[in-house]
PDB file of N, CA and C in Angstrom:
ATOM      1  N   MET A   1     -56.696  15.983 -27.572  1.00  0.00           N
ATOM      2  CA  MET A   1     -55.723  15.452 -28.086  1.00  0.00           C
ATOM      3  C   MET A   1     -54.466  16.215 -26.910  1.00  0.00           C
ATOM      4  N   ALA A   2     -54.403  17.149 -26.184  1.00  0.00           N
ATOM      5  CA  ALA A   2     -53.413  17.368 -25.734  1.00  0.00           C
ATOM      6  C   ALA A   2     -53.609  16.246 -24.003  1.00  0.00           C
ATOM      7  N   TYR A   3     -54.531  15.544 -23.982  1.00  0.00           N
ATOM      8  CA  TYR A   3     -54.239  14.837 -22.702  1.00  0.00           C
ATOM      9  C   TYR A   3     -53.929  13.366 -23.440  1.00  0.00           C
ATOM     10  N   GLY A   4     -53.756  13.080 -24.481  1.00  0.00           N
ATOM     11  CA  GLY A   4     -53.643  11.960 -25.242  1.00  0.00           C
ATOM     12  C   GLY A   4     -51.834  11.138 -25.238  1.00  0.00           C
ATOM     13  N   GLU A   5     -51.718  10.121 -25.288  1.00  0.00           N
ATOM     14  CA  GLU A   5     -50.712   9.629 -25.435  1.00  0.00           C
ATOM     15  C   GLU A   5     -49.932   9.620 -26.834  1.00  0.00           C
ATOM     16  N   ARG A   6     -48.408   9.912 -27.223  1.00  0.00           N
ATOM     17  CA  ARG A   6     -48.193  10.088 -28.181  1.00  0.00           C
ATOM     18  C   ARG A   6     -46.601   9.656 -28.436  1.00  0.00           C
ATOM     19  N   ALA A   7     -46.085   9.531 -29.159  1.00  0.00           N
ATOM     20  CA  ALA A   7     -44.795   9.159 -29.509  1.00  0.00           C
ATOM     21  C   ALA A   7     -44.123   9.708 -30.645  1.00  0.00           C
ATOM     22  N   PRO A   8     -42.296   9.708 -30.997  1.00  0.00           N
ATOM     23  CA  PRO A   8     -42.309  10.213 -31.952  1.00  0.00           C
ATOM     24  C   PRO A   8     -42.578   9.887 -33.010  1.00  0.00           C
ATOM     25  N   GLY A   9     -42.741  10.844 -34.278  1.00  0.00           N
ATOM     26  CA  GLY A   9     -43.083  10.034 -35.698  1.00  0.00           C
ATOM     27  C   GLY A   9     -41.959   9.549 -36.340  1.00  0.00           C
ATOM     28  N   VAL A  10     -40.838   9.177 -35.958  1.00  0.00           N
ATOM     29  CA  VAL A  10     -39.528   8.582 -36.499  1.00  0.00           C
ATOM     30  C   VAL A  10     -39.528   7.187 -36.227  1.00  0.00           C
ATOM     31  N   SER A  11     -39.292   6.379 -37.610  1.00  0.00           N
ATOM     32  CA  SER A  11     -38.634   5.348 -37.475  1.00  0.00           C
ATOM     33  C   SER A  11     -37.797   4.576 -38.477  1.00  0.00           C
ATOM     34  N   ALA A  12     -37.452   3.565 -38.522  1.00  0.00           N
ATOM     35  CA  ALA A  12     -35.855   3.229 -39.304  1.00  0.00           C
ATOM     36  C   ALA A  12     -36.948   2.577 -40.380  1.00  0.00           C
ATOM     37  N   VAL A  13     -36.114   3.207 -41.725  1.00  0.00           N
ATOM     38  CA  VAL A  13     -36.658   2.748 -43.219  1.00  0.00           C
ATOM     39  C   VAL A  13     -36.861   1.395 -43.479  1.00  0.00           C
ATOM     40  N   GLY A  14     -35.160   0.670 -43.224  1.00  0.00           N
ATOM     41  CA  GLY A  14     -35.439  -0.574 -43.741  1.00  0.00           C
ATOM     42  C   GLY A  14     -34.786  -1.480 -42.311  1.00  0.00           C
ATOM     43  N   GLY A  15     -34.365  -1.140 -41.486  1.00  0.00           N
ATOM     44  CA  GLY A  15     -33.320  -1.873 -40.688  1.00  0.00           C
ATOM     45  C   GLY A  15     -34.175  -1.289 -38.965  1.00  0.00           C
ATOM     46  N   ARG A  16     -33.319  -2.098 -37.993  1.00  0.00           N
ATOM     47  CA  ARG A  16     -33.644  -1.641 -36.614  1.00  0.00           C
ATOM     48  C   ARG A  16     -32.914  -0.933 -36.025  1.00  0.00           C
ATOM     49  N   GLU A  17     -33.382  -0.166 -35.430  1.00  0.00           N
ATOM     50  CA  GLU A  17     -32.608   0.732 -34.500  1.00  0.00           C
ATOM     51  C   GLU A  17     -33.789   1.010 -32.630  1.00  0.00           C
ATOM     52  N   SER A  18     -32.707   1.587 -31.817  1.00  0.00           N
ATOM     53  CA  SER A  18     -33.680   2.018 -30.557  1.00  0.00           C
ATOM     54  C   SER A  18     -32.856   3.030 -30.368  1.00  0.00           C
ATOM     55  N   TYR A  19     -33.531   3.865 -29.450  1.00  0.00           N
ATOM     56  CA  TYR A  19     -32.928   5.255 -29.252  1.00  0.00           C
ATOM     57  C   TYR A  19     -34.135   5.354 -28.328  1.00  0.00           C
ATOM     58  N   PHE A  20     -33.386   6.555 -27.198  1.00  0.00           N
ATOM     59  CA  PHE A  20     -34.137   7.524 -26.232  1.00  0.00           C
ATOM     60  C   PHE A  20     -34.288   8.807 -26.814  1.00  0.00           C
ATOM     61  N   TRP A  21     -35.029   9.296 -25.934  1.00  0.00           N
ATOM     62  CA  TRP A  21     -35.803  10.483 -26.488  1.00  0.00           C
ATOM     63  C   TRP A  21     -36.443  11.317 -25.524  1.00  0.00           C
ATOM     64  N   GLY A  22     -36.972  12.731 -25.638  1.00  0.00           N
ATOM     65  CA  GLY A  22     -37.710  13.667 -24.662  1.00  0.00           C
ATOM     66  C   GLY A  22     -37.911  14.551 -24.935  1.00  0.00           C
ATOM     67  N   GLY A  23     -38.551  15.907 -24.248  1.00  0.00           N
ATOM     68  CA  GLY A  23     -38.599  17.035 -24.236  1.00  0.00           C
ATOM     69  C   GLY A  23     -39.270  17.802 -23.251  1.00  0.00           C
ATOM     70  N   MET A  24     -39.495  18.896 -23.755  1.00  0.00           N
ATOM     71  CA  MET A  24     -40.549  19.986 -22.515  1.00  0.00           C
ATOM     72  C   MET A  24     -40.990  21.043 -23.593  1.00  0.00           C
ATOM     73  N   SER A  25     -42.138  21.452 -23.029  1.00  0.00           N
ATOM     74  CA  SER A  25     -43.043  22.751 -23.379  1.00  0.00           C
ATOM     75  C   SER A  25     -43.655  23.127 -22.062  1.00  0.00           C
ATOM     76  N   VAL A  26     -43.910  24.711 -22.555  1.00  0.00           N
ATOM     77  CA  VAL A  26     -44.681  25.442 -21.943  1.00  0.00           C
ATOM     78  C   VAL A  26     -45.839  25.672 -22.646  1.00  0.00           C
ATOM     79  N   LYS A  27     -47.200  25.602 -21.956  1.00  0.00           N
ATOM     80  CA  LYS A  27     -48.663  26.195 -22.662  1.00  0.00           C
ATOM     81  C   LYS A  27     -49.156  26.915 -22.025  1.00  0.00           C
ATOM     82  N   ALA A  28     -49.797  27.841 -22.658  1.00  0.00           N
ATOM     83  CA  ALA A  28     -50.730  28.857 -22.206  1.00  0.00           C
ATOM     84  C   ALA A  28     -52.517  28.607 -22.391  1.00  0.00           C
ATOM     85  N   ARG A  29     -53.432  27.891 -21.586  1.00  0.00           N
ATOM     86  CA  ARG A  29     -54.387  27.814 -21.849  1.00  0.00           C
ATOM     87  C   ARG A  29     -55.308  29.405 -21.408  1.00  0.00           C
ATOM     88  N   ALA A  30     -56.247  29.585 -22.284  1.00  0.00           N
ATOM     89  CA  ALA A  30     -57.159  30.630 -21.924  1.00  0.00           C
ATOM     90  C   ALA A  30     -58.144  30.396 -21.735  1.00  0.00           C
ATOM     91  N   TYR A  31     -58.640  29.016 -21.767  1.00  0.00           N
ATOM     92  CA  TYR A  31     -59.701  28.494 -21.574  1.00  0.00           C
ATOM     93  C   TYR A  31     -60.124  26.894 -21.688  1.00  0.00           C
ATOM     94  N   ASN A  32     -60.203  26.242 -20.777  1.00  0.00           N
ATOM     95  CA  ASN A  32     -59.998  24.683 -20.178  1.00  0.00           C
ATOM     96  C   ASN A  32     -61.915  24.422 -20.411  1.00  0.00           C
ATOM     97  N   ALA A  33     -62.238  23.639 -21.767  1.00  0.00           N
ATOM     98  CA  ALA A  33     -63.903  23.424 -21.793  1.00  0.00           C
ATOM     99  C   ALA A  33     -63.929  22.239 -20.448  1.00  0.00           C
ATOM    100  N   TYR A  34     -63.047  21.490 -20.310  1.00  0.00           N
ATOM    101  CA  TYR A  34     -63.195  20.300 -19.663  1.00  0.00           C
ATOM    102  C   TYR A  34     -63.484  20.678 -17.969  1.00  0.00           C
ATOM    103  N   LEU A  35     -62.675  22.029 -17.515  1.00  0.00           N
ATOM    104  CA  LEU A  35     -62.628  22.326 -16.585  1.00  0.00           C
ATOM    105  C   LEU A  35     -63.566  23.519 -16.176  1.00  0.00           C
ATOM    106  N   GLN A  36     -63.728  24.116 -17.149  1.00  0.00           N
ATOM    107  CA  GLN A  36     -64.755  25.617 -17.167  1.00  0.00           C
ATOM    108  C   GLN A  36     -66.152  25.433 -17.340  1.00  0.00           C
ATOM    109  N   GLY A  37     -66.588  24.600 -17.508  1.00  0.00           N
ATOM    110  CA  GLY A  37     -68.178  24.409 -17.815  1.00  0.00           C
ATOM    111  C   GLY A  37     -68.499  23.750 -19.568  1.00  0.00           C
ATOM    112  N   GLN A  38     -67.812  23.898 -20.556  1.00  0.00           N
ATOM    113  CA  GLN A  38     -67.991  23.592 -21.862  1.00  0.00           C
ATOM    114  C   GLN A  38     -68.920  24.462 -22.507  1.00  0.00           C
ATOM    115  N   PHE A  39     -69.004  25.686 -22.136  1.00  0.00           N
ATOM    116  CA  PHE A  39     -69.705  26.638 -22.412  1.00  0.00           C
ATOM    117  C   PHE A  39     -71.074  26.541 -22.090  1.00  0.00           C
ATOM    118  N   ARG A  40     -71.253  25.748 -21.343  1.00  0.00           N
ATOM    119  CA  ARG A  40     -73.359  25.742 -20.548  1.00  0.00           C
ATOM    120  C   ARG A  40     -72.786  25.550 -19.650  1.00  0.00           C
ATOM    121  N   HIS A  41     -73.891  25.188 -18.513  1.00  0.00           N
ATOM    122  CA  HIS A  41     -73.980  25.559 -17.447  1.00  0.00           C
ATOM    123  C   HIS A  41     -73.729  23.978 -16.758  1.00  0.00           C
ATOM    124  N   SER A  42     -72.962  23.981 -15.681  1.00  0.00           N
ATOM    125  CA  SER A  42     -72.491  22.709 -15.027  1.00  0.00           C
ATOM    126  C   SER A  42     -71.825  22.961 -13.538  1.00  0.00           C
ATOM    127  N   ASP A  43     -72.522  22.091 -12.735  1.00  0.00           N
ATOM    128  CA  ASP A  43     -72.517  22.292 -11.403  1.00  0.00           C
ATOM    129  C   ASP A  43     -71.342  22.165 -10.969  1.00  0.00           C
ATOM    130  N   HIS A  44     -70.428  21.827 -11.569  1.00  0.00           N
ATOM    131  CA  HIS A  44     -68.855  21.166 -11.715  1.00  0.00           C
ATOM    132  C   HIS A  44     -68.014  22.110 -12.333  1.00  0.00           C
ATOM    133  N   GLU A  45     -68.151  23.471 -12.536  1.00  0.00           N
ATOM    134  CA  GLU A  45     -66.830  24.134 -13.383  1.00  0.00           C
ATOM    135  C   GLU A  45     -66.394  24.952 -12.520  1.00  0.00           C
ATOM    136  N   LEU A  46     -65.311  24.991 -12.816  1.00  0.00           N
ATOM    137  CA  LEU A  46     -63.868  26.133 -11.805  1.00  0.00           C
ATOM    138  C   LEU A  46     -63.878  27.626 -12.872  1.00  0.00           C
ATOM    139  N   SER A  47     -63.853  28.564 -11.806  1.00  0.00           N
ATOM    140  CA  SER A  47     -63.491  29.658 -12.987  1.00  0.00           C
ATOM    141  C   SER A  47     -62.242  30.107 -13.212  1.00  0.00           C
ATOM    142  N   ALA A  48     -62.014  30.889 -14.237  1.00  0.00           N
ATOM    143  CA  ALA A  48     -60.446  31.338 -14.539  1.00  0.00           C
ATOM    144  C   ALA A  48     -59.853  31.794 -13.218  1.00  0.00           C
ATOM    145  N   ASN A  49     -60.279  32.029 -12.026  1.00  0.00           N
ATOM    146  CA  ASN A  49     -59.262  32.457 -11.288  1.00  0.00           C
ATOM    147  C   ASN A  49     -58.505  31.392 -10.510  1.00  0.00           C
ATOM    148  N   ASP A  50     -59.138  29.922 -10.416  1.00  0.00           N
ATOM    149  CA  ASP A  50     -59.214  28.884 -10.007  1.00  0.00           C
ATOM    150  C   ASP A  50     -57.733  28.136 -10.798  1.00  0.00           C
ATOM    151  N   LEU A  51     -57.860  28.533 -11.790  1.00  0.00           N
ATOM    152  CA  LEU A  51     -57.022  27.654 -13.090  1.00  0.00           C
ATOM    153  C   LEU A  51     -55.444  28.257 -12.836  1.00  0.00           C
ATOM    154  N   ASN A  52     -54.495  27.541 -13.617  1.00  0.00           N
ATOM    155  CA  ASN A  52     -53.095  28.095 -13.811  1.00  0.00           C
ATOM    156  C   ASN A  52     -53.222  28.115 -15.181  1.00  0.00           C
ATOM    157  N   VAL A  53     -52.758  29.330 -15.652  1.00  0.00           N
ATOM    158  CA  VAL A  53     -52.848  29.755 -17.366  1.00  0.00           C
ATOM    159  C   VAL A  53     -51.871  28.924 -18.076  1.00  0.00           C
ATOM    160  N   LEU A  54     -50.353  28.924 -17.326  1.00  0.00           N
ATOM    161  CA  LEU A  54     -49.155  28.494 -17.902  1.00  0.00           C
ATOM    162  C   LEU A  54     -49.019  27.114 -17.321  1.00  0.00           C
ATOM    163  N   LEU A  55     -48.518  26.140 -18.131  1.00  0.00           N
ATOM    164  CA  LEU A  55     -48.592  25.004 -17.884  1.00  0.00           C
ATOM    165  C   LEU A  55     -47.109  24.508 -18.193  1.00  0.00           C
ATOM    166  N   ALA A  56     -46.454  23.428 -17.476  1.00  0.00           N
ATOM    167  CA  ALA A  56     -45.009  23.129 -17.647  1.00  0.00           C
ATOM    168  C   ALA A  56     -45.346  21.659 -17.977  1.00  0.00           C
ATOM    169  N   GLU A  57     -45.115  21.117 -19.151  1.00  0.00           N
ATOM    170  CA  GLU A  57     -44.799  19.487 -19.378  1.00  0.00           C
ATOM    171  C   GLU A  57     -43.685  18.892 -20.032  1.00  0.00           C
ATOM    172  N   VAL A  58     -43.224  17.965 -19.377  1.00  0.00           N
ATOM    173  CA  VAL A  58     -41.791  17.137 -19.562  1.00  0.00           C
ATOM    174  C   VAL A  58     -42.079  15.706 -20.118  1.00  0.00           C
ATOM    175  N   TRP A  59     -41.457  15.170 -20.867  1.00  0.00           N
ATOM    176  CA  TRP A  59     -41.689  13.821 -21.383  1.00  0.00           C
ATOM    177  C   TRP A  59     -40.553  13.037 -21.745  1.00  0.00           C
ATOM    178  N   ALA A  60     -40.291  11.605 -21.838  1.00  0.00           N
ATOM    179  CA  ALA A  60     -38.954  10.661 -22.044  1.00  0.00           C
ATOM    180  C   ALA A  60     -39.412   9.676 -22.878  1.00  0.00           C
ATOM    181  N   GLY A  61     -38.824   9.005 -23.467  1.00  0.00           N
ATOM    182  CA  GLY A  61     -39.417   7.498 -23.814  1.00  0.00           C
ATOM    183  C   GLY A  61     -38.359   6.829 -24.490  1.00  0.00           C
ATOM    184  N   TYR A  62     -38.539   5.704 -24.622  1.00  0.00           N
ATOM    185  CA  TYR A  62     -37.951   4.967 -25.197  1.00  0.00           C
ATOM    186  C   TYR A  62     -38.594   3.929 -26.626  1.00  0.00           C
ATOM    187  N   THR A  63     -37.790   4.138 -27.489  1.00  0.00           N
ATOM    188  CA  THR A  63     -38.483   3.337 -28.885  1.00  0.00           C
ATOM    189  C   THR A  63     -37.187   2.439 -29.408  1.00  0.00           C
ATOM    190  N   TYR A  64     -37.949   1.551 -29.586  1.00  0.00           N
ATOM    191  CA  TYR A  64     -37.564   0.167 -30.282  1.00  0.00           C
ATOM    192  C   TYR A  64     -38.329   0.451 -32.232  1.00  0.00           C
ATOM    193  N   SER A  65     -37.498   0.287 -32.928  1.00  0.00           N
ATOM    194  CA  SER A  65     -37.986  -0.259 -34.285  1.00  0.00           C
ATOM    195  C   SER A  65     -37.466  -1.444 -35.177  1.00  0.00           C
ATOM    196  N   PHE A  66     -38.602  -2.074 -35.322  1.00  0.00           N
ATOM    197  CA  PHE A  66     -38.600  -3.354 -35.735  1.00  0.00           C
ATOM    198  C   PHE A  66     -38.349  -3.788 -37.266  1.00  0.00           C
ATOM    199  N   GLY A  67     -37.886  -2.315 -38.083  1.00  0.00           N
ATOM    200  CA  GLY A  67     -38.103  -1.965 -39.618  1.00  0.00           C
ATOM    201  C   GLY A  67     -39.352  -2.275 -39.906  1.00  0.00           C
ATOM    202  N   ALA A  68     -39.369  -2.084 -41.319  1.00  0.00           N
ATOM    203  CA  ALA A  68     -40.612  -2.268 -42.000  1.00  0.00           C
ATOM    204  C   ALA A  68     -41.885  -1.361 -41.479  1.00  0.00           C
ATOM    205  N   GLY A  69     -41.186  -0.305 -41.088  1.00  0.00           N
ATOM    206  CA  GLY A  69     -42.268   1.033 -39.971  1.00  0.00           C
ATOM    207  C   GLY A  69     -43.073   0.336 -39.031  1.00  0.00           C
ATOM    208  N   ALA A  70     -42.876  -0.241 -38.335  1.00  0.00           N
ATOM    209  CA  ALA A  70     -43.086  -0.998 -37.031  1.00  0.00           C
ATOM    210  C   ALA A  70     -42.415  -0.163 -35.650  1.00  0.00           C
ATOM    211  N   THR A  71     -42.785   0.527 -35.043  1.00  0.00           N
ATOM    212  CA  THR A  71     -42.154   0.944 -33.726  1.00  0.00           C
ATOM    213  C   THR A  71     -43.088   0.647 -32.351  1.00  0.00           C
ATOM    214  N   LEU A  72     -42.116   0.232 -31.193  1.00  0.00           N
ATOM    215  CA  LEU A  72     -43.021  -0.163 -30.217  1.00  0.00           C
ATOM    216  C   LEU A  72     -42.349   0.983 -29.297  1.00  0.00           C
ATOM    217  N   SER A  73     -43.107   2.075 -28.461  1.00  0.00           N
ATOM    218  CA  SER A  73     -42.458   3.013 -27.484  1.00  0.00           C
ATOM    219  C   SER A  73     -42.621   2.872 -26.056  1.00  0.00           C
ATOM    220  N   TYR A  74     -42.161   3.498 -25.262  1.00  0.00           N
ATOM    221  CA  TYR A  74     -42.554   3.410 -23.615  1.00  0.00           C
ATOM    222  C   TYR A  74     -42.510   4.958 -23.540  1.00  0.00           C
ATOM    223  N   VAL A  75     -43.531   5.722 -22.802  1.00  0.00           N
ATOM    224  CA  VAL A  75     -43.450   6.923 -22.658  1.00  0.00           C
ATOM    225  C   VAL A  75     -43.856   7.115 -21.231  1.00  0.00           C
ATOM    226  N   LEU A  76     -43.010   8.264 -20.710  1.00  0.00           N
ATOM    227  CA  LEU A  76     -43.509   8.660 -19.506  1.00  0.00           C
ATOM    228  C   LEU A  76     -43.784  10.225 -19.661  1.00  0.00           C
ATOM    229  N   ARG A  77     -44.670  11.082 -19.105  1.00  0.00           N
ATOM    230  CA  ARG A  77     -45.186  12.407 -19.277  1.00  0.00           C
ATOM    231  C   ARG A  77     -45.446  12.855 -17.544  1.00  0.00           C
ATOM    232  N   ALA A  78     -45.124  14.240 -17.847  1.00  0.00           N
ATOM    233  CA  ALA A  78     -45.739  14.572 -16.494  1.00  0.00           C
ATOM    234  C   ALA A  78     -45.941  16.360 -16.666  1.00  0.00           C
ATOM    235  N   GLN A  79     -46.828  16.796 -15.842  1.00  0.00           N
ATOM    236  CA  GLN A  79     -47.447  18.119 -16.371  1.00  0.00           C
ATOM    237  C   GLN A  79     -47.729  18.599 -15.368  1.00  0.00           C
ATOM    238  N   SER A  80     -47.330  20.125 -14.781  1.00  0.00           N
ATOM    239  CA  SER A  80     -48.032  20.670 -13.936  1.00  0.00           C
ATOM    240  C   SER A  80     -49.567  20.991 -13.732  1.00  0.00           C
ATOM    241  N   SER A  81     -49.961  21.381 -12.418  1.00  0.00           N
ATOM    242  CA  SER A  81     -51.261  21.218 -12.194  1.00  0.00           C
ATOM    243  C   SER A  81     -51.542  22.081 -12.860  1.00  0.00           C
ATOM    244  N   GLU A  82     -52.883  22.026 -13.163  1.00  0.00           N
ATOM    245  CA  GLU A  82     -53.726  23.041 -13.860  1.00  0.00           C
ATOM    246  C   GLU A  82     -54.861  23.947 -12.880  1.00  0.00           C
ATOM    247  N   ILE A  83     -54.984  23.067 -11.576  1.00  0.00           N
ATOM    248  CA  ILE A  83     -55.856  24.074 -10.887  1.00  0.00           C
ATOM    249  C   ILE A  83     -55.025  24.369  -9.765  1.00  0.00           C
ATOM    250  N   LYS A  84     -55.412  25.240  -9.467  1.00  0.00           N
ATOM    251  CA  LYS A  84     -54.447  26.263  -8.617  1.00  0.00           C
ATOM    252  C   LYS A  84     -54.667  25.824  -6.832  1.00  0.00           C
ATOM    253  N   ASN A  85     -55.835  25.378  -6.117  1.00  0.00           N
ATOM    254  CA  ASN A  85     -56.061  25.406  -4.746  1.00  0.00           C
ATOM    255  C   ASN A  85     -56.894  24.025  -4.759  1.00  0.00           C
ATOM    256  N   GLY A  86     -56.723  23.248  -3.654  1.00  0.00           N
ATOM    257  CA  GLY A  86     -57.762  22.274  -3.143  1.00  0.00           C
ATOM    258  C   GLY A  86     -57.079  20.804  -3.867  1.00  0.00           C
ATOM    259  N   THR A  87     -58.205  19.727  -3.446  1.00  0.00           N
ATOM    260  CA  THR A  87     -57.538  18.472  -4.035  1.00  0.00           C
ATOM    261  C   THR A  87     -57.308  18.012  -5.525  1.00  0.00           C
ATOM    262  N   GLY A  88     -57.670  19.324  -6.406  1.00  0.00           N
ATOM    263  CA  GLY A  88     -57.144  18.981  -7.577  1.00  0.00           C
ATOM    264  C   GLY A  88     -55.872  19.364  -7.892  1.00  0.00           C
ATOM    265  N   ASN A  89     -55.214  20.363  -6.983  1.00  0.00           N
ATOM    266  CA  ASN A  89     -54.112  20.990  -7.089  1.00  0.00           C
ATOM    267  C   ASN A  89     -52.756  19.905  -7.205  1.00  0.00           C
ATOM    268  N   ARG A  90     -52.728  19.061  -7.924  1.00  0.00           N
ATOM    269  CA  ARG A  90     -51.400  18.190  -8.164  1.00  0.00           C
ATOM    270  C   ARG A  90     -51.059  18.542  -9.699  1.00  0.00           C
ATOM    271  N   THR A  91     -49.658  17.477  -9.649  1.00  0.00           N
ATOM    272  CA  THR A  91     -48.938  17.114 -10.682  1.00  0.00           C
ATOM    273  C   THR A  91     -49.469  15.925 -11.120  1.00  0.00           C
ATOM    274  N   LEU A  92     -49.652  15.984 -12.713  1.00  0.00           N
ATOM    275  CA  LEU A  92     -50.263  14.495 -13.162  1.00  0.00           C
ATOM    276  C   LEU A  92     -49.069  13.929 -13.659  1.00  0.00           C
ATOM    277  N   ALA A  93     -48.708  12.787 -13.398  1.00  0.00           N
ATOM    278  CA  ALA A  93     -47.863  11.833 -14.228  1.00  0.00           C
ATOM    279  C   ALA A  93     -48.204  10.272 -14.680  1.00  0.00           C
ATOM    280  N   TRP A  94     -48.144  10.456 -15.899  1.00  0.00           N
ATOM    281  CA  TRP A  94     -48.779   9.262 -16.686  1.00  0.00           C
ATOM    282  C   TRP A  94     -47.452   8.427 -17.878  1.00  0.00           C
ATOM    283  N   GLY A  95     -47.470   7.354 -17.994  1.00  0.00           N
ATOM    284  CA  GLY A  95     -46.943   6.245 -19.054  1.00  0.00           C
ATOM    285  C   GLY A  95     -47.632   5.529 -19.972  1.00  0.00           C
ATOM    286  N   GLY A  96     -47.066   5.102 -20.657  1.00  0.00           N
ATOM    287  CA  GLY A  96     -47.733   3.812 -21.596  1.00  0.00           C
ATOM    288  C   GLY A  96     -47.065   3.616 -22.741  1.00  0.00           C
ATOM    289  N   LEU A  97     -47.420   2.626 -22.976  1.00  0.00           N
ATOM    290  CA  LEU A  97     -47.004   1.950 -24.225  1.00  0.00           C
ATOM    291  C   LEU A  97     -47.636   1.861 -25.476  1.00  0.00           C
ATOM    292  N   VAL A  98     -46.662   2.653 -26.627  1.00  0.00           N
ATOM    293  CA  VAL A  98     -47.266   2.761 -27.961  1.00  0.00           C
ATOM    294  C   VAL A  98     -46.773   2.583 -28.893  1.00  0.00           C
ATOM    295  N   PHE A  99     -47.832   1.303 -29.886  1.00  0.00           N
ATOM    296  CA  PHE A  99     -47.159   0.686 -30.855  1.00  0.00           C
ATOM    297  C   PHE A  99     -47.827   1.418 -32.006  1.00  0.00           C
ATOM    298  N   SER A 100     -46.884   1.504 -33.186  1.00  0.00           N
ATOM    299  CA  SER A 100     -47.084   2.130 -34.251  1.00  0.00           C
ATOM    300  C   SER A 100     -46.729   1.568 -35.314  1.00  0.00           C
ATOM    301  N   LYS A 101     -47.482   1.160 -36.718  1.00  0.00           N
ATOM    302  CA  LYS A 101     -47.168   0.553 -38.056  1.00  0.00           C
ATOM    303  C   LYS A 101     -47.785   1.732 -39.070  1.00  0.00           C
ATOM    304  N   ARG A 102     -46.521   2.118 -39.473  1.00  0.00           N
ATOM    305  CA  ARG A 102     -46.803   3.128 -41.043  1.00  0.00           C
ATOM    306  C   ARG A 102     -47.500   2.051 -41.854  1.00  0.00           C
ATOM    307  N   LEU A 103     -48.406   2.607 -42.349  1.00  0.00           N
ATOM    308  CA  LEU A 103     -48.948   1.436 -43.861  1.00  0.00           C
ATOM    309  C   LEU A 103     -48.341   2.085 -44.583  1.00  0.00           C
ATOM    310  N   GLY A 104     -48.087   1.047 -45.630  1.00  0.00           N
ATOM    311  CA  GLY A 104     -47.069   1.385 -47.355  1.00  0.00           C
ATOM    312  C   GLY A 104     -46.066   1.431 -47.204  1.00  0.00           C
ATOM    313  N   ALA A 105     -45.416   1.183 -45.479  1.00  0.00           N
ATOM    314  CA  ALA A 105     -43.873   1.014 -45.425  1.00  0.00           C
ATOM    315  C   ALA A 105     -43.057   0.002 -46.202  1.00  0.00           C
ATOM    316  N   ARG A 106     -42.264  -0.217 -46.244  1.00  0.00           N
ATOM    317  CA  ARG A 106     -41.175  -1.190 -47.269  1.00  0.00           C
ATOM    318  C   ARG A 106     -40.061  -1.347 -45.971  1.00  0.00           C
TER     319      ARG A 106
END
């Protein structure tokens, strides 16, 4: 889930609204199963010394609520590099559209 897209879990109960939002976080990763071999041998695994333990992430977005629990959000995210050296040493940035609908909303 750490690599997935998500939008804030707020929406207007009965009317329409729109708002900008954002945030930041610092994470510490002791083990990364994607990059360190998933507890089994892999020809493409990195050692703990090749990875950054602390990662910074920032995000910002815009959400429009249609009312009745339906929202549409545009999200931009950026994360510091997980790999210390080489071609994998780069900041990640991505964005996306998120449509959500609360079931049972009035």
